[in-house]
N, C-alpha and C. Protein backbone atom coordinates (compact mmCIF):
# COMPACT_ATOMS: atom_id res chain seq x y z
N MET A 1 138.06 68.21 229.32
CA MET A 1 139.24 67.36 229.10
C MET A 1 140.05 68.02 227.95
N ASP A 2 141.24 68.45 228.22
CA ASP A 2 142.07 69.02 227.15
C ASP A 2 142.68 67.93 226.31
N SER A 3 143.37 68.28 225.28
CA SER A 3 143.80 67.32 224.26
C SER A 3 144.93 66.43 224.87
N ALA A 4 145.82 66.99 225.76
CA ALA A 4 146.88 66.17 226.40
C ALA A 4 146.21 65.10 227.35
N ALA A 5 145.17 65.52 228.08
CA ALA A 5 144.50 64.64 228.97
C ALA A 5 143.73 63.58 228.19
N LYS A 6 143.15 63.97 227.09
CA LYS A 6 142.43 63.04 226.18
C LYS A 6 143.39 62.00 225.61
N ALA A 7 144.56 62.42 225.17
CA ALA A 7 145.56 61.48 224.60
C ALA A 7 146.03 60.54 225.69
N LYS A 8 146.25 61.06 226.89
CA LYS A 8 146.73 60.20 227.96
C LYS A 8 145.68 59.18 228.26
N TRP A 9 144.41 59.62 228.45
CA TRP A 9 143.36 58.60 228.82
C TRP A 9 143.19 57.60 227.69
N LEU A 10 143.21 58.07 226.45
CA LEU A 10 143.04 57.04 225.32
C LEU A 10 144.18 55.99 225.36
N LYS A 11 145.40 56.46 225.70
CA LYS A 11 146.52 55.49 225.85
C LYS A 11 146.28 54.50 227.03
N THR A 12 145.88 55.13 228.19
CA THR A 12 145.65 54.26 229.36
C THR A 12 144.45 53.41 229.10
N ARG A 13 143.50 53.84 228.42
CA ARG A 13 142.19 53.05 228.12
C ARG A 13 142.53 51.76 227.38
N GLU A 14 143.67 51.75 226.67
CA GLU A 14 143.99 50.52 225.89
C GLU A 14 144.31 49.34 226.79
N LEU A 15 144.50 49.55 228.08
CA LEU A 15 144.70 48.46 229.00
C LEU A 15 143.51 47.61 229.12
N GLY A 16 142.39 48.24 228.93
CA GLY A 16 141.12 47.51 229.09
C GLY A 16 140.56 47.69 230.48
N TYR A 17 139.32 47.53 230.64
CA TYR A 17 138.61 47.81 231.93
C TYR A 17 139.17 47.04 233.10
N LEU A 18 139.20 45.70 233.03
CA LEU A 18 139.69 44.89 234.12
C LEU A 18 141.04 45.14 234.58
N ARG A 19 141.92 45.28 233.58
CA ARG A 19 143.35 45.48 233.92
C ARG A 19 143.52 46.94 234.57
N PHE A 20 142.79 47.91 234.06
CA PHE A 20 142.79 49.18 234.57
C PHE A 20 142.44 49.18 236.07
N VAL A 21 141.28 48.48 236.32
CA VAL A 21 140.71 48.46 237.65
C VAL A 21 141.73 47.77 238.64
N LEU A 22 142.26 46.64 238.18
CA LEU A 22 143.21 45.93 239.04
C LEU A 22 144.57 46.71 239.21
N GLN A 23 145.10 47.27 238.11
CA GLN A 23 146.30 47.95 238.17
C GLN A 23 146.26 49.32 238.95
N TYR A 24 145.38 50.20 238.51
CA TYR A 24 145.30 51.47 239.05
C TYR A 24 144.45 51.57 240.34
N GLY A 25 143.51 50.68 240.52
CA GLY A 25 142.69 50.62 241.69
C GLY A 25 143.21 49.85 242.80
N VAL A 26 143.37 48.56 242.51
CA VAL A 26 143.84 47.64 243.54
C VAL A 26 145.32 47.77 243.85
N VAL A 27 146.18 47.69 242.81
CA VAL A 27 147.61 47.71 243.05
C VAL A 27 148.16 49.08 243.41
N TYR A 28 147.82 50.12 242.60
CA TYR A 28 148.41 51.47 242.88
C TYR A 28 147.76 52.23 244.00
N TRP A 29 146.46 51.91 244.29
CA TRP A 29 145.80 52.65 245.37
C TRP A 29 145.52 51.71 246.61
N GLY A 30 144.91 50.51 246.28
CA GLY A 30 144.57 49.63 247.36
C GLY A 30 145.72 49.09 248.21
N VAL A 31 146.73 48.73 247.60
CA VAL A 31 147.93 48.19 248.28
C VAL A 31 148.56 49.22 249.25
N PRO A 32 148.94 50.50 248.68
CA PRO A 32 149.47 51.41 249.62
C PRO A 32 148.60 51.76 250.78
N MET A 33 147.24 51.85 250.45
CA MET A 33 146.30 52.18 251.55
C MET A 33 146.33 51.06 252.56
N PHE A 34 146.32 49.77 252.11
CA PHE A 34 146.35 48.64 252.99
C PHE A 34 147.62 48.74 253.88
N LEU A 35 148.74 48.99 253.28
CA LEU A 35 149.97 49.04 254.12
C LEU A 35 149.89 50.23 255.15
N PHE A 36 149.55 51.33 254.67
CA PHE A 36 149.49 52.52 255.55
C PHE A 36 148.52 52.35 256.65
N MET A 37 147.24 51.98 256.32
CA MET A 37 146.17 51.87 257.31
C MET A 37 146.39 50.69 258.26
N THR A 38 146.96 49.62 257.78
CA THR A 38 147.28 48.49 258.67
C THR A 38 148.31 48.91 259.67
N PHE A 39 149.34 49.58 259.20
CA PHE A 39 150.42 50.10 260.11
C PHE A 39 149.80 51.00 261.12
N ILE A 40 148.97 51.97 260.70
CA ILE A 40 148.31 52.94 261.59
C ILE A 40 147.50 52.19 262.68
N VAL A 41 146.67 51.20 262.23
CA VAL A 41 145.79 50.52 263.14
C VAL A 41 146.67 49.79 264.20
N PHE A 42 147.64 49.04 263.70
CA PHE A 42 148.47 48.29 264.70
C PHE A 42 149.32 49.23 265.54
N ARG A 43 149.78 50.33 265.06
CA ARG A 43 150.60 51.20 265.77
C ARG A 43 149.85 52.01 266.82
N LEU A 44 148.83 52.73 266.30
CA LEU A 44 148.03 53.66 267.16
C LEU A 44 147.30 52.97 268.25
N PHE A 45 146.68 51.87 267.89
CA PHE A 45 145.84 51.22 268.90
C PHE A 45 146.56 50.08 269.64
N GLU A 46 147.81 49.92 269.30
CA GLU A 46 148.68 48.92 269.94
C GLU A 46 148.07 47.54 270.02
N ASN A 47 147.39 47.22 268.93
CA ASN A 47 146.83 45.85 268.82
C ASN A 47 147.91 44.85 268.64
N ARG A 48 147.66 43.67 269.14
CA ARG A 48 148.58 42.62 268.85
C ARG A 48 148.24 42.10 267.45
N PHE A 49 149.28 41.64 266.76
CA PHE A 49 149.08 41.10 265.41
C PHE A 49 148.19 39.93 265.43
N SER A 50 147.22 39.91 264.49
CA SER A 50 146.38 38.77 264.35
C SER A 50 146.07 38.56 262.85
N PHE A 51 146.06 37.33 262.42
CA PHE A 51 145.86 37.01 261.03
C PHE A 51 144.33 37.33 260.69
N GLY A 52 143.45 37.28 261.66
CA GLY A 52 142.09 37.60 261.44
C GLY A 52 141.94 39.12 261.04
N LEU A 53 142.54 39.97 261.81
CA LEU A 53 142.52 41.39 261.57
C LEU A 53 143.17 41.74 260.23
N LEU A 54 144.33 41.07 259.97
CA LEU A 54 145.14 41.25 258.75
C LEU A 54 144.17 40.84 257.55
N SER A 55 143.52 39.73 257.68
CA SER A 55 142.61 39.29 256.63
C SER A 55 141.44 40.23 256.35
N ILE A 56 140.94 40.89 257.42
CA ILE A 56 139.87 41.79 257.28
C ILE A 56 140.39 43.00 256.48
N HIS A 57 141.66 43.55 256.85
CA HIS A 57 142.26 44.63 256.18
C HIS A 57 142.48 44.33 254.67
N VAL A 58 142.94 43.18 254.37
CA VAL A 58 143.21 42.75 252.95
C VAL A 58 141.87 42.80 252.22
N GLN A 59 140.81 42.34 252.75
CA GLN A 59 139.59 42.30 252.06
C GLN A 59 139.06 43.76 251.85
N ILE A 60 139.08 44.51 252.92
CA ILE A 60 138.59 45.90 252.84
C ILE A 60 139.32 46.64 251.70
N TRP A 61 140.67 46.58 251.65
CA TRP A 61 141.44 47.43 250.82
C TRP A 61 141.40 46.90 249.34
N VAL A 62 141.20 45.62 249.17
CA VAL A 62 141.04 45.09 247.79
C VAL A 62 139.72 45.55 247.24
N VAL A 63 138.69 45.47 248.05
CA VAL A 63 137.39 45.94 247.57
C VAL A 63 137.36 47.49 247.38
N ALA A 64 137.96 48.18 248.32
CA ALA A 64 138.03 49.65 248.18
C ALA A 64 138.88 50.14 246.95
N GLY A 65 139.98 49.34 246.71
CA GLY A 65 140.80 49.63 245.57
C GLY A 65 140.03 49.39 244.25
N ALA A 66 139.34 48.29 244.20
CA ALA A 66 138.52 47.97 243.00
C ALA A 66 137.44 49.09 242.84
N ALA A 67 136.83 49.45 243.90
CA ALA A 67 135.80 50.56 243.77
C ALA A 67 136.44 51.86 243.22
N PHE A 68 137.65 52.22 243.79
CA PHE A 68 138.33 53.39 243.35
C PHE A 68 138.73 53.25 241.86
N GLY A 69 139.18 52.07 241.38
CA GLY A 69 139.44 51.93 239.98
C GLY A 69 138.23 52.02 239.15
N ILE A 70 137.16 51.43 239.51
CA ILE A 70 135.95 51.48 238.76
C ILE A 70 135.42 52.92 238.68
N SER A 71 135.47 53.63 239.77
CA SER A 71 135.09 55.08 239.86
C SER A 71 135.94 55.88 238.84
N ASN A 72 137.22 55.69 238.87
CA ASN A 72 138.17 56.45 238.02
C ASN A 72 137.85 56.17 236.59
N TRP A 73 137.66 54.88 236.24
CA TRP A 73 137.36 54.49 234.83
C TRP A 73 136.10 55.15 234.40
N SER A 74 135.03 55.07 235.20
CA SER A 74 133.74 55.69 234.84
C SER A 74 133.81 57.20 234.70
N HIS A 75 134.55 57.77 235.59
CA HIS A 75 134.69 59.26 235.52
C HIS A 75 135.49 59.63 234.26
N SER A 76 136.48 58.92 233.95
CA SER A 76 137.31 59.26 232.76
C SER A 76 136.48 59.08 231.49
N GLU A 77 135.74 57.90 231.45
CA GLU A 77 134.92 57.64 230.25
C GLU A 77 133.87 58.69 230.14
N LYS A 78 133.22 59.12 231.24
CA LYS A 78 132.19 60.16 231.18
C LYS A 78 132.73 61.51 230.61
N LYS A 79 133.93 61.86 231.12
CA LYS A 79 134.54 63.05 230.62
C LYS A 79 134.83 62.94 229.11
N LEU A 80 135.32 61.81 228.63
CA LEU A 80 135.51 61.61 227.21
C LEU A 80 134.28 61.70 226.43
N MET A 81 133.21 61.14 226.88
CA MET A 81 131.89 61.11 226.09
C MET A 81 131.37 62.64 226.11
N ASN A 82 131.61 63.30 227.20
CA ASN A 82 131.17 64.74 227.26
C ASN A 82 131.78 65.65 226.20
N ILE A 83 132.91 65.30 225.72
CA ILE A 83 133.57 66.15 224.71
C ILE A 83 133.22 65.61 223.33
N GLY A 84 132.26 64.72 223.21
CA GLY A 84 131.85 64.23 221.97
C GLY A 84 132.58 63.09 221.29
N TYR A 85 133.28 62.35 222.10
CA TYR A 85 134.05 61.22 221.60
C TYR A 85 133.08 60.09 221.42
N PRO A 86 132.89 59.47 220.22
CA PRO A 86 131.98 58.37 219.99
C PRO A 86 132.33 57.17 220.84
N GLU A 87 131.25 56.67 221.49
CA GLU A 87 131.47 55.40 222.30
C GLU A 87 131.87 54.22 221.42
N GLY A 88 132.84 53.51 221.90
CA GLY A 88 133.29 52.33 221.15
C GLY A 88 134.45 52.56 220.14
N GLU A 89 134.65 53.86 219.96
CA GLU A 89 135.78 54.21 219.06
C GLU A 89 137.03 54.44 219.88
N THR A 90 138.23 53.96 219.23
CA THR A 90 139.47 54.11 219.90
C THR A 90 140.45 54.95 219.10
């Protein structure tokens, strides 16, 4: 992690864990994936619209988005610790 990436992560880290996961995982990644994949499924497979299928897609992409956010947070924190940044220090 170079100094620019470190500074950027430290600034982003100020959001806190939960807000980061919700914002970067669910909103910035999960919502676009939901829209894209739902469109693909309904278009390619010519399924008729159903609230049941829509509900399943919402659940899948919220959970996947949260997992993506958690993974990114953990990866960034691990990179920060690998350069010798003390845990708990901001």
